Amino acid sequence: MSHFDTDKGIVWAPMNPLLESFYNHLAAHQSVLGNSRFYEDLIEIYETLEHDLKEENHESVATE
């Protein structure tokens, strides 16, 4: 599983393919934006989406 490092820790590649382009954008711009509050906010949004999509997937599997 791919990842990249930030000052706040490791950002892992998404399990959900819907977030692949978001992850690739974060990884590509880490060297330029890496120390900004804006970039940290984007990572928080990305990680929240990944978590929410995992939960949504688990809930939909459980109800089938």
C-alpha atoms as a PDB file:
ATOM      1  CA  MET A   1       0.000   0.000   0.000  1.00  0.00           C
ATOM      2  CA  SER A   2       1.449   3.330  -0.978  1.00  0.00           C
ATOM      3  CA  HIS A   3       1.750   6.336   1.266  1.00  0.00           C
ATOM      4  CA  PHE A   4       3.586   9.604   1.777  1.00  0.00           C
ATOM      5  CA  ASP A   5       4.899  11.291   4.898  1.00  0.00           C
ATOM      6  CA  THR A   6       3.875  14.683   6.236  1.00  0.00           C
ATOM      7  CA  ASP A   7       4.853  16.647   9.326  1.00  0.00           C
ATOM      8  CA  LYS A   8       1.690  15.300  10.988  1.00  0.00           C
ATOM      9  CA  GLY A   9       2.293  11.659  10.039  1.00  0.00           C
ATOM     10  CA  ILE A  10       1.710   9.180   7.246  1.00  0.00           C
ATOM     11  CA  VAL A  11      -1.049   9.613   4.682  1.00  0.00           C
ATOM     12  CA  TRP A  12      -2.097   6.218   3.306  1.00  0.00           C
ATOM     13  CA  ALA A  13      -3.477   5.537  -0.157  1.00  0.00           C
ATOM     14  CA  PRO A  14      -7.242   5.137  -0.111  1.00  0.00           C
ATOM     15  CA  MET A  15      -9.043   1.826   0.106  1.00  0.00           C
ATOM     16  CA  ASN A  16     -11.901   3.371  -1.870  1.00  0.00           C
ATOM     17  CA  PRO A  17     -11.076   4.061  -5.537  1.00  0.00           C
ATOM     18  CA  LEU A  18     -13.328   7.131  -5.490  1.00  0.00           C
ATOM     19  CA  LEU A  19     -10.636   8.936  -3.472  1.00  0.00           C
ATOM     20  CA  GLU A  20      -7.687   7.937  -5.669  1.00  0.00           C
ATOM     21  CA  SER A  21      -7.516  11.243  -7.571  1.00  0.00           C
ATOM     22  CA  PHE A  22      -7.787  13.241  -4.312  1.00  0.00           C
ATOM     23  CA  TYR A  23      -4.929  11.196  -2.819  1.00  0.00           C
ATOM     24  CA  ASN A  24      -2.798  11.608  -5.965  1.00  0.00           C
ATOM     25  CA  HIS A  25      -3.352  15.380  -5.868  1.00  0.00           C
ATOM     26  CA  LEU A  26      -2.305  15.539  -2.201  1.00  0.00           C
ATOM     27  CA  ALA A  27       0.806  13.464  -2.879  1.00  0.00           C
ATOM     28  CA  ALA A  28       1.787  15.504  -5.947  1.00  0.00           C
ATOM     29  CA  HIS A  29       1.568  18.848  -4.129  1.00  0.00           C
ATOM     30  CA  GLN A  30       2.980  17.806  -0.760  1.00  0.00           C
ATOM     31  CA  SER A  31       6.408  19.322  -1.463  1.00  0.00           C
ATOM     32  CA  VAL A  32       4.905  22.759  -2.227  1.00  0.00           C
ATOM     33  CA  LEU A  33       1.935  22.929   0.152  1.00  0.00           C
ATOM     34  CA  GLY A  34       3.133  20.560   2.862  1.00  0.00           C
ATOM     35  CA  ASN A  35       3.643  23.094   5.647  1.00  0.00           C
ATOM     36  CA  SER A  36       0.467  25.103   5.148  1.00  0.00           C
ATOM     37  CA  ARG A  37      -2.704  25.032   7.212  1.00  0.00           C
ATOM     38  CA  PHE A  38      -4.682  24.710   3.973  1.00  0.00           C
ATOM     39  CA  TYR A  39      -2.850  21.483   3.106  1.00  0.00           C
ATOM     40  CA  GLU A  40      -3.406  20.096   6.600  1.00  0.00           C
ATOM     41  CA  ASP A  41      -7.126  20.846   6.201  1.00  0.00           C
ATOM     42  CA  LEU A  42      -7.178  19.003   2.861  1.00  0.00           C
ATOM     43  CA  ILE A  43      -5.574  15.962   4.479  1.00  0.00           C
ATOM     44  CA  GLU A  44      -8.145  16.040   7.278  1.00  0.00           C
ATOM     45  CA  ILE A  45     -10.945  16.164   4.707  1.00  0.00           C
ATOM     46  CA  TYR A  46      -9.380  13.293   2.743  1.00  0.00           C
ATOM     47  CA  GLU A  47      -8.997  11.122   5.862  1.00  0.00           C
ATOM     48  CA  THR A  48     -12.551  11.908   7.006  1.00  0.00           C
ATOM     49  CA  LEU A  49     -13.945  10.954   3.603  1.00  0.00           C
ATOM     50  CA  GLU A  50     -11.957   7.717   3.634  1.00  0.00           C
ATOM     51  CA  HIS A  51     -13.303   6.872   7.085  1.00  0.00           C
ATOM     52  CA  ASP A  52     -16.899   7.804   6.201  1.00  0.00           C
ATOM     53  CA  LEU A  53     -16.832   5.797   2.974  1.00  0.00           C
ATOM     54  CA  LYS A  54     -15.497   2.750   4.848  1.00  0.00           C
ATOM     55  CA  GLU A  55     -18.344   3.020   7.369  1.00  0.00           C
ATOM     56  CA  GLU A  56     -20.902   3.503   4.605  1.00  0.00           C
ATOM     57  CA  ASN A  57     -19.585   0.446   2.792  1.00  0.00           C
ATOM     58  CA  HIS A  58     -19.687  -1.667   5.956  1.00  0.00           C
ATOM     59  CA  GLU A  59     -23.251  -0.535   6.708  1.00  0.00           C
ATOM     60  CA  SER A  60     -24.467  -1.335   3.194  1.00  0.00           C
ATOM     61  CA  VAL A  61     -22.881  -4.806   3.325  1.00  0.00           C
ATOM     62  CA  ALA A  62     -24.446  -5.475   6.734  1.00  0.00           C
ATOM     63  CA  THR A  63     -27.957  -4.594   5.519  1.00  0.00           C
ATOM     64  CA  GLU A  64     -27.824  -6.810   2.422  1.00  0.00           C
END
